[in-house]
Amino acid sequence: MSKEVLAGLEVECKVIKVLSDCCPAVRGRIELGSRLVEDLCVDSISLVEIVMALNDSFGIELSEAGVGEWRTVLDIYVSVRENGWYMG
């Protein structure tokens, strides 16, 4: 398996772990296609917690503009990858 594929899988797992920690009511039902508001019941306070946890977990700084565009878990995954996080 290539480093790129492994990095993608690691990002996906870490994003889902962060969401599971921040949204315990939906733990085990989170996948890339999950919608943040409709499926995971993410509100504005939860979103702030998620962003802070992602920044800490990945050592990145997600932009407000990018976060404002999030609708699904896949959107979060793409933001993390676009912020330059790669497996070392």
PDB file of N, CA and C in Angstrom:
ATOM      1  N   MET A   1       0.845  -1.177   0.000  1.00  0.00           N
ATOM      2  CA  MET A   1       0.000   0.000   0.000  1.00  0.00           C
ATOM      3  C   MET A   1       0.891   1.242   0.000  1.00  0.00           C
ATOM      4  N   SER A   2       0.544   2.240  -0.795  1.00  0.00           N
ATOM      5  CA  SER A   2       1.377   3.435  -0.903  1.00  0.00           C
ATOM      6  C   SER A   2       1.248   4.326   0.331  1.00  0.00           C
ATOM      7  N   LYS A   3       2.230   5.195   0.506  1.00  0.00           N
ATOM      8  CA  LYS A   3       2.192   6.141   1.623  1.00  0.00           C
ATOM      9  C   LYS A   3       0.971   7.051   1.541  1.00  0.00           C
ATOM     10  N   GLU A   4       0.609   7.435   0.316  1.00  0.00           N
ATOM     11  CA  GLU A   4      -0.547   8.313   0.116  1.00  0.00           C
ATOM     12  C   GLU A   4      -1.839   7.642   0.587  1.00  0.00           C
ATOM     13  N   VAL A   5      -1.998   6.373   0.259  1.00  0.00           N
ATOM     14  CA  VAL A   5      -3.192   5.632   0.684  1.00  0.00           C
ATOM     15  C   VAL A   5      -3.195   5.478   2.201  1.00  0.00           C
ATOM     16  N   LEU A   6      -2.048   5.132   2.766  1.00  0.00           N
ATOM     17  CA  LEU A   6      -1.948   4.994   4.224  1.00  0.00           C
ATOM     18  C   LEU A   6      -2.244   6.319   4.924  1.00  0.00           C
ATOM     19  N   ALA A   7      -1.732   7.407   4.379  1.00  0.00           N
ATOM     20  CA  ALA A   7      -1.983   8.722   4.959  1.00  0.00           C
ATOM     21  C   ALA A   7      -3.471   9.034   4.920  1.00  0.00           C
ATOM     22  N   GLY A   8      -4.118   8.724   3.803  1.00  0.00           N
ATOM     23  CA  GLY A   8      -5.553   8.965   3.684  1.00  0.00           C
ATOM     24  C   GLY A   8      -6.356   8.173   4.693  1.00  0.00           C
ATOM     25  N   LEU A   9      -5.989   6.918   4.883  1.00  0.00           N
ATOM     26  CA  LEU A   9      -6.684   6.077   5.859  1.00  0.00           C
ATOM     27  C   LEU A   9      -6.458   6.576   7.283  1.00  0.00           C
ATOM     28  N   GLU A  10      -5.243   7.024   7.551  1.00  0.00           N
ATOM     29  CA  GLU A  10      -4.953   7.534   8.886  1.00  0.00           C
ATOM     30  C   GLU A  10      -5.749   8.814   9.166  1.00  0.00           C
ATOM     31  N   VAL A  11      -5.818   9.699   8.184  1.00  0.00           N
ATOM     32  CA  VAL A  11      -6.604  10.929   8.351  1.00  0.00           C
ATOM     33  C   VAL A  11      -8.069  10.572   8.590  1.00  0.00           C
ATOM     34  N   GLU A  12      -8.603   9.670   7.786  1.00  0.00           N
ATOM     35  CA  GLU A  12     -10.006   9.273   7.939  1.00  0.00           C
ATOM     36  C   GLU A  12     -10.268   8.725   9.348  1.00  0.00           C
ATOM     37  N   CYS A  13      -9.424   7.845   9.818  1.00  0.00           N
ATOM     38  CA  CYS A  13      -9.597   7.256  11.144  1.00  0.00           C
ATOM     39  C   CYS A  13      -9.513   8.301  12.249  1.00  0.00           C
ATOM     40  N   LYS A  14      -8.540   9.214  12.134  1.00  0.00           N
ATOM     41  CA  LYS A  14      -8.374  10.247  13.164  1.00  0.00           C
ATOM     42  C   LYS A  14      -9.534  11.235  13.157  1.00  0.00           C
ATOM     43  N   VAL A  15     -10.028  11.596  11.977  1.00  0.00           N
ATOM     44  CA  VAL A  15     -11.179  12.506  11.893  1.00  0.00           C
ATOM     45  C   VAL A  15     -12.394  11.847  12.548  1.00  0.00           C
ATOM     46  N   ILE A  16     -12.641  10.586  12.230  1.00  0.00           N
ATOM     47  CA  ILE A  16     -13.789   9.886  12.812  1.00  0.00           C
ATOM     48  C   ILE A  16     -13.619   9.727  14.322  1.00  0.00           C
ATOM     49  N   LYS A  17     -12.397   9.490  14.786  1.00  0.00           N
ATOM     50  CA  LYS A  17     -12.137   9.389  16.234  1.00  0.00           C
ATOM     51  C   LYS A  17     -12.448  10.702  16.936  1.00  0.00           C
ATOM     52  N   VAL A  18     -12.004  11.819  16.362  1.00  0.00           N
ATOM     53  CA  VAL A  18     -12.291  13.132  16.947  1.00  0.00           C
ATOM     54  C   VAL A  18     -13.795  13.358  17.004  1.00  0.00           C
ATOM     55  N   LEU A  19     -14.484  13.059  15.924  1.00  0.00           N
ATOM     56  CA  LEU A  19     -15.940  13.243  15.902  1.00  0.00           C
ATOM     57  C   LEU A  19     -16.626  12.325  16.908  1.00  0.00           C
ATOM     58  N   SER A  20     -16.140  11.107  17.052  1.00  0.00           N
ATOM     59  CA  SER A  20     -16.715  10.175  18.029  1.00  0.00           C
ATOM     60  C   SER A  20     -16.554  10.709  19.447  1.00  0.00           C
ATOM     61  N   ASP A  21     -15.402  11.310  19.722  1.00  0.00           N
ATOM     62  CA  ASP A  21     -15.156  11.876  21.040  1.00  0.00           C
ATOM     63  C   ASP A  21     -16.037  13.097  21.306  1.00  0.00           C
ATOM     64  N   CYS A  22     -16.271  13.899  20.268  1.00  0.00           N
ATOM     65  CA  CYS A  22     -17.055  15.130  20.416  1.00  0.00           C
ATOM     66  C   CYS A  22     -18.566  14.889  20.303  1.00  0.00           C
ATOM     67  N   CYS A  23     -18.963  13.792  19.689  1.00  0.00           N
ATOM     68  CA  CYS A  23     -20.380  13.477  19.458  1.00  0.00           C
ATOM     69  C   CYS A  23     -20.668  12.055  19.932  1.00  0.00           C
ATOM     70  N   PRO A  24     -20.582  11.802  21.234  1.00  0.00           N
ATOM     71  CA  PRO A  24     -20.714  10.425  21.718  1.00  0.00           C
ATOM     72  C   PRO A  24     -22.068   9.779  21.423  1.00  0.00           C
ATOM     73  N   ALA A  25     -23.103  10.559  21.224  1.00  0.00           N
ATOM     74  CA  ALA A  25     -24.437  10.001  20.954  1.00  0.00           C
ATOM     75  C   ALA A  25     -24.491   9.241  19.639  1.00  0.00           C
ATOM     76  N   VAL A  26     -23.602   9.566  18.698  1.00  0.00           N
ATOM     77  CA  VAL A  26     -23.625   8.914  17.384  1.00  0.00           C
ATOM     78  C   VAL A  26     -22.404   8.034  17.153  1.00  0.00           C
ATOM     79  N   ARG A  27     -21.644   7.801  18.196  1.00  0.00           N
ATOM     80  CA  ARG A  27     -20.432   6.967  18.097  1.00  0.00           C
ATOM     81  C   ARG A  27     -20.786   5.638  17.420  1.00  0.00           C
ATOM     82  N   GLY A  28     -19.959   5.226  16.494  1.00  0.00           N
ATOM     83  CA  GLY A  28     -20.183   3.978  15.787  1.00  0.00           C
ATOM     84  C   GLY A  28     -21.020   4.128  14.528  1.00  0.00           C
ATOM     85  N   ARG A  29     -21.613   5.298  14.336  1.00  0.00           N
ATOM     86  CA  ARG A  29     -22.424   5.529  13.145  1.00  0.00           C
ATOM     87  C   ARG A  29     -21.842   6.633  12.278  1.00  0.00           C
ATOM     88  N   ILE A  30     -20.574   6.936  12.461  1.00  0.00           N
ATOM     89  CA  ILE A  30     -19.940   8.022  11.726  1.00  0.00           C
ATOM     90  C   ILE A  30     -19.158   7.448  10.556  1.00  0.00           C
ATOM     91  N   GLU A  31     -19.428   7.976   9.374  1.00  0.00           N
ATOM     92  CA  GLU A  31     -18.679   7.592   8.177  1.00  0.00           C
ATOM     93  C   GLU A  31     -18.464   8.843   7.328  1.00  0.00           C
ATOM     94  N   LEU A  32     -17.669   8.746   6.283  1.00  0.00           N
ATOM     95  CA  LEU A  32     -17.332   9.926   5.478  1.00  0.00           C
ATOM     96  C   LEU A  32     -18.561  10.627   4.917  1.00  0.00           C
ATOM     97  N   GLY A  33     -19.608   9.897   4.610  1.00  0.00           N
ATOM     98  CA  GLY A  33     -20.813  10.505   4.044  1.00  0.00           C
ATOM     99  C   GLY A  33     -21.768  11.088   5.061  1.00  0.00           C
ATOM    100  N   SER A  34     -21.474  10.934   6.348  1.00  0.00           N
ATOM    101  CA  SER A  34     -22.370  11.456   7.386  1.00  0.00           C
ATOM    102  C   SER A  34     -22.453  12.978   7.303  1.00  0.00           C
ATOM    103  N   ARG A  35     -23.678  13.484   7.410  1.00  0.00           N
ATOM    104  CA  ARG A  35     -23.898  14.937   7.410  1.00  0.00           C
ATOM    105  C   ARG A  35     -23.768  15.448   8.840  1.00  0.00           C
ATOM    106  N   LEU A  36     -23.069  16.558   9.001  1.00  0.00           N
ATOM    107  CA  LEU A  36     -22.760  17.048  10.338  1.00  0.00           C
ATOM    108  C   LEU A  36     -24.008  17.416  11.136  1.00  0.00           C
ATOM    109  N   VAL A  37     -24.888  18.206  10.568  1.00  0.00           N
ATOM    110  CA  VAL A  37     -26.065  18.672  11.299  1.00  0.00           C
ATOM    111  C   VAL A  37     -27.145  17.591  11.341  1.00  0.00           C
ATOM    112  N   GLU A  38     -27.507  17.074  10.193  1.00  0.00           N
ATOM    113  CA  GLU A  38     -28.633  16.156  10.095  1.00  0.00           C
ATOM    114  C   GLU A  38     -28.370  14.794  10.727  1.00  0.00           C
ATOM    115  N   ASP A  39     -27.178  14.242  10.535  1.00  0.00           N
ATOM    116  CA  ASP A  39     -26.872  12.897  11.022  1.00  0.00           C
ATOM    117  C   ASP A  39     -26.162  12.887  12.372  1.00  0.00           C
ATOM    118  N   LEU A  40     -25.266  13.855  12.585  1.00  0.00           N
ATOM    119  CA  LEU A  40     -24.439  13.854  13.791  1.00  0.00           C
ATOM    120  C   LEU A  40     -24.885  14.871  14.833  1.00  0.00           C
ATOM    121  N   CYS A  41     -25.901  15.679  14.504  1.00  0.00           N
ATOM    122  CA  CYS A  41     -26.461  16.680  15.428  1.00  0.00           C
ATOM    123  C   CYS A  41     -25.406  17.668  15.923  1.00  0.00           C
ATOM    124  N   VAL A  42     -24.500  18.070  15.039  1.00  0.00           N
ATOM    125  CA  VAL A  42     -23.464  19.034  15.395  1.00  0.00           C
ATOM    126  C   VAL A  42     -24.080  20.435  15.406  1.00  0.00           C
ATOM    127  N   ASP A  43     -23.920  21.136  16.535  1.00  0.00           N
ATOM    128  CA  ASP A  43     -24.367  22.522  16.632  1.00  0.00           C
ATOM    129  C   ASP A  43     -23.127  23.420  16.661  1.00  0.00           C
ATOM    130  N   SER A  44     -23.329  24.715  16.820  1.00  0.00           N
ATOM    131  CA  SER A  44     -22.202  25.644  16.734  1.00  0.00           C
ATOM    132  C   SER A  44     -21.175  25.418  17.844  1.00  0.00           C
ATOM    133  N   ILE A  45     -21.625  25.063  19.026  1.00  0.00           N
ATOM    134  CA  ILE A  45     -20.688  24.806  20.121  1.00  0.00           C
ATOM    135  C   ILE A  45     -19.900  23.530  19.852  1.00  0.00           C
ATOM    136  N   SER A  46     -20.582  22.489  19.395  1.00  0.00           N
ATOM    137  CA  SER A  46     -19.899  21.240  19.048  1.00  0.00           C
ATOM    138  C   SER A  46     -18.881  21.484  17.950  1.00  0.00           C
ATOM    139  N   LEU A  47     -19.230  22.334  16.993  1.00  0.00           N
ATOM    140  CA  LEU A  47     -18.325  22.611  15.877  1.00  0.00           C
ATOM    141  C   LEU A  47     -17.025  23.248  16.371  1.00  0.00           C
ATOM    142  N   VAL A  48     -17.126  24.171  17.303  1.00  0.00           N
ATOM    143  CA  VAL A  48     -15.928  24.797  17.875  1.00  0.00           C
ATOM    144  C   VAL A  48     -15.070  23.737  18.559  1.00  0.00           C
ATOM    145  N   GLU A  49     -15.699  22.839  19.323  1.00  0.00           N
ATOM    146  CA  GLU A  49     -14.963  21.770  19.994  1.00  0.00           C
ATOM    147  C   GLU A  49     -14.280  20.854  18.974  1.00  0.00           C
ATOM    148  N   ILE A  50     -14.984  20.541  17.895  1.00  0.00           N
ATOM    149  CA  ILE A  50     -14.439  19.675  16.850  1.00  0.00           C
ATOM    150  C   ILE A  50     -13.223  20.327  16.201  1.00  0.00           C
ATOM    151  N   VAL A  51     -13.345  21.607  15.862  1.00  0.00           N
ATOM    152  CA  VAL A  51     -12.229  22.318  15.226  1.00  0.00           C
ATOM    153  C   VAL A  51     -11.015  22.337  16.151  1.00  0.00           C
ATOM    154  N   MET A  52     -11.225  22.647  17.419  1.00  0.00           N
ATOM    155  CA  MET A  52     -10.108  22.678  18.369  1.00  0.00           C
ATOM    156  C   MET A  52      -9.466  21.298  18.491  1.00  0.00           C
ATOM    157  N   ALA A  53     -10.285  20.249  18.560  1.00  0.00           N
ATOM    158  CA  ALA A  53      -9.757  18.888  18.687  1.00  0.00           C
ATOM    159  C   ALA A  53      -8.997  18.475  17.429  1.00  0.00           C
ATOM    160  N   LEU A  54      -9.509  18.840  16.261  1.00  0.00           N
ATOM    161  CA  LEU A  54      -8.814  18.525  15.009  1.00  0.00           C
ATOM    162  C   LEU A  54      -7.484  19.259  14.929  1.00  0.00           C
ATOM    163  N   ASN A  55      -7.480  20.550  15.285  1.00  0.00           N
ATOM    164  CA  ASN A  55      -6.240  21.321  15.271  1.00  0.00           C
ATOM    165  C   ASN A  55      -5.196  20.679  16.175  1.00  0.00           C
ATOM    166  N   ASP A  56      -5.618  20.261  17.380  1.00  0.00           N
ATOM    167  CA  ASP A  56      -4.699  19.617  18.315  1.00  0.00           C
ATOM    168  C   ASP A  56      -4.233  18.260  17.804  1.00  0.00           C
ATOM    169  N   SER A  57      -5.172  17.473  17.320  1.00  0.00           N
ATOM    170  CA  SER A  57      -4.870  16.112  16.887  1.00  0.00           C
ATOM    171  C   SER A  57      -3.919  16.067  15.697  1.00  0.00           C
ATOM    172  N   PHE A  58      -4.102  17.002  14.758  1.00  0.00           N
ATOM    173  CA  PHE A  58      -3.297  16.992  13.540  1.00  0.00           C
ATOM    174  C   PHE A  58      -2.172  18.025  13.543  1.00  0.00           C
ATOM    175  N   GLY A  59      -2.144  18.906  14.539  1.00  0.00           N
ATOM    176  CA  GLY A  59      -1.119  19.940  14.579  1.00  0.00           C
ATOM    177  C   GLY A  59      -1.251  20.929  13.436  1.00  0.00           C
ATOM    178  N   ILE A  60      -2.492  21.271  13.094  1.00  0.00           N
ATOM    179  CA  ILE A  60      -2.769  22.202  11.995  1.00  0.00           C
ATOM    180  C   ILE A  60      -3.638  23.332  12.510  1.00  0.00           C
ATOM    181  N   GLU A  61      -3.882  24.313  11.675  1.00  0.00           N
ATOM    182  CA  GLU A  61      -4.777  25.425  11.986  1.00  0.00           C
ATOM    183  C   GLU A  61      -5.802  25.521  10.864  1.00  0.00           C
ATOM    184  N   LEU A  62      -7.008  25.021  11.117  1.00  0.00           N
ATOM    185  CA  LEU A  62      -8.063  25.050  10.104  1.00  0.00           C
ATOM    186  C   LEU A  62      -8.611  26.470   9.973  1.00  0.00           C
ATOM    187  N   SER A  63      -8.865  26.891   8.754  1.00  0.00           N
ATOM    188  CA  SER A  63      -9.349  28.252   8.518  1.00  0.00           C
ATOM    189  C   SER A  63     -10.847  28.356   8.787  1.00  0.00           C
ATOM    190  N   GLU A  64     -11.265  29.518   9.270  1.00  0.00           N
ATOM    191  CA  GLU A  64     -12.687  29.762   9.512  1.00  0.00           C
ATOM    192  C   GLU A  64     -13.498  29.610   8.239  1.00  0.00           C
ATOM    193  N   ALA A  65     -12.969  30.127   7.143  1.00  0.00           N
ATOM    194  CA  ALA A  65     -13.681  30.050   5.863  1.00  0.00           C
ATOM    195  C   ALA A  65     -13.910  28.601   5.454  1.00  0.00           C
ATOM    196  N   GLY A  66     -12.894  27.775   5.609  1.00  0.00           N
ATOM    197  CA  GLY A  66     -13.028  26.362   5.263  1.00  0.00           C
ATOM    198  C   GLY A  66     -14.024  25.648   6.149  1.00  0.00           C
ATOM    199  N   VAL A  67     -13.976  25.931   7.433  1.00  0.00           N
ATOM    200  CA  VAL A  67     -14.888  25.304   8.389  1.00  0.00           C
ATOM    201  C   VAL A  67     -16.336  25.694   8.069  1.00  0.00           C
ATOM    202  N   GLY A  68     -16.540  26.913   7.642  1.00  0.00           N
ATOM    203  CA  GLY A  68     -17.882  27.379   7.304  1.00  0.00           C
ATOM    204  C   GLY A  68     -18.510  26.635   6.133  1.00  0.00           C
ATOM    205  N   GLU A  69     -17.680  25.971   5.341  1.00  0.00           N
ATOM    206  CA  GLU A  69     -18.162  25.216   4.176  1.00  0.00           C
ATOM    207  C   GLU A  69     -18.479  23.754   4.500  1.00  0.00           C
ATOM    208  N   TRP A  70     -18.118  23.296   5.691  1.00  0.00           N
ATOM    209  CA  TRP A  70     -18.325  21.898   6.044  1.00  0.00           C
ATOM    210  C   TRP A  70     -19.793  21.526   6.082  1.00  0.00           C
ATOM    211  N   ARG A  71     -20.130  20.426   5.436  1.00  0.00           N
ATOM    212  CA  ARG A  71     -21.476  19.867   5.499  1.00  0.00           C
ATOM    213  C   ARG A  71     -21.436  18.382   5.879  1.00  0.00           C
ATOM    214  N   THR A  72     -20.320  17.712   5.546  1.00  0.00           N
ATOM    215  CA  THR A  72     -20.184  16.275   5.797  1.00  0.00           C
ATOM    216  C   THR A  72     -18.827  15.973   6.430  1.00  0.00           C
ATOM    217  N   VAL A  73     -18.689  14.750   6.885  1.00  0.00           N
ATOM    218  CA  VAL A  73     -17.404  14.298   7.420  1.00  0.00           C
ATOM    219  C   VAL A  73     -16.349  14.331   6.314  1.00  0.00           C
ATOM    220  N   LEU A  74     -16.751  14.033   5.097  1.00  0.00           N
ATOM    221  CA  LEU A  74     -15.817  14.098   3.968  1.00  0.00           C
ATOM    222  C   LEU A  74     -15.256  15.512   3.804  1.00  0.00           C
ATOM    223  N   ASP A  75     -16.067  16.526   4.026  1.00  0.00           N
ATOM    224  CA  ASP A  75     -15.585  17.911   3.950  1.00  0.00           C
ATOM    225  C   ASP A  75     -14.475  18.158   4.978  1.00  0.00           C
ATOM    226  N   ILE A  76     -14.635  17.608   6.174  1.00  0.00           N
ATOM    227  CA  ILE A  76     -13.609  17.751   7.211  1.00  0.00           C
ATOM    228  C   ILE A  76     -12.335  17.050   6.764  1.00  0.00           C
ATOM    229  N   TYR A  77     -12.484  15.832   6.269  1.00  0.00           N
ATOM    230  CA  TYR A  77     -11.345  15.052   5.770  1.00  0.00           C
ATOM    231  C   TYR A  77     -10.573  15.843   4.718  1.00  0.00           C
ATOM    232  N   VAL A  78     -11.277  16.424   3.759  1.00  0.00           N
ATOM    233  CA  VAL A  78     -10.639  17.192   2.689  1.00  0.00           C
ATOM    234  C   VAL A  78      -9.919  18.405   3.273  1.00  0.00           C
ATOM    235  N   SER A  79     -10.532  19.088   4.224  1.00  0.00           N
ATOM    236  CA  SER A  79      -9.889  20.256   4.849  1.00  0.00           C
ATOM    237  C   SER A  79      -8.590  19.880   5.532  1.00  0.00           C
ATOM    238  N   VAL A  80      -8.599  18.770   6.252  1.00  0.00           N
ATOM    239  CA  VAL A  80      -7.386  18.328   6.938  1.00  0.00           C
ATOM    240  C   VAL A  80      -6.296  18.014   5.918  1.00  0.00           C
ATOM    241  N   ARG A  81      -6.650  17.285   4.870  1.00  0.00           N
ATOM    242  CA  ARG A  81      -5.662  16.951   3.829  1.00  0.00           C
ATOM    243  C   ARG A  81      -5.151  18.206   3.129  1.00  0.00           C
ATOM    244  N   GLU A  82      -6.038  19.165   2.870  1.00  0.00           N
ATOM    245  CA  GLU A  82      -5.612  20.401   2.189  1.00  0.00           C
ATOM    246  C   GLU A  82      -4.734  21.268   3.071  1.00  0.00           C
ATOM    247  N   ASN A  83      -4.815  21.075   4.380  1.00  0.00           N
ATOM    248  CA  ASN A  83      -3.975  21.836   5.302  1.00  0.00           C
ATOM    249  C   ASN A  83      -2.590  21.228   5.447  1.00  0.00           C
ATOM    250  N   GLY A  84      -2.293  20.264   4.580  1.00  0.00           N
ATOM    251  CA  GLY A  84      -0.939  19.753   4.516  1.00  0.00           C
ATOM    252  C   GLY A  84      -0.586  18.681   5.512  1.00  0.00           C
ATOM    253  N   TRP A  85      -1.556  18.024   6.132  1.00  0.00           N
ATOM    254  CA  TRP A  85      -1.209  16.970   7.058  1.00  0.00           C
ATOM    255  C   TRP A  85      -0.944  15.692   6.287  1.00  0.00           C
ATOM    256  N   TYR A  86       0.235  15.183   6.465  1.00  0.00           N
ATOM    257  CA  TYR A  86       0.612  13.929   5.828  1.00  0.00           C
ATOM    258  C   TYR A  86       1.310  13.051   6.833  1.00  0.00           C
ATOM    259  N   MET A  87       1.213  11.770   6.631  1.00  0.00           N
ATOM    260  CA  MET A  87       1.883  10.829   7.500  1.00  0.00           C
ATOM    261  C   MET A  87       3.400  10.960   7.265  1.00  0.00           C
ATOM    262  N   GLY A  88       4.158  11.012   8.337  1.00  0.00           N
ATOM    263  CA  GLY A  88       5.600  11.201   8.226  1.00  0.00           C
ATOM    264  C   GLY A  88       6.378   9.964   7.917  1.00  0.00           C
TER     265      GLY A  88
END
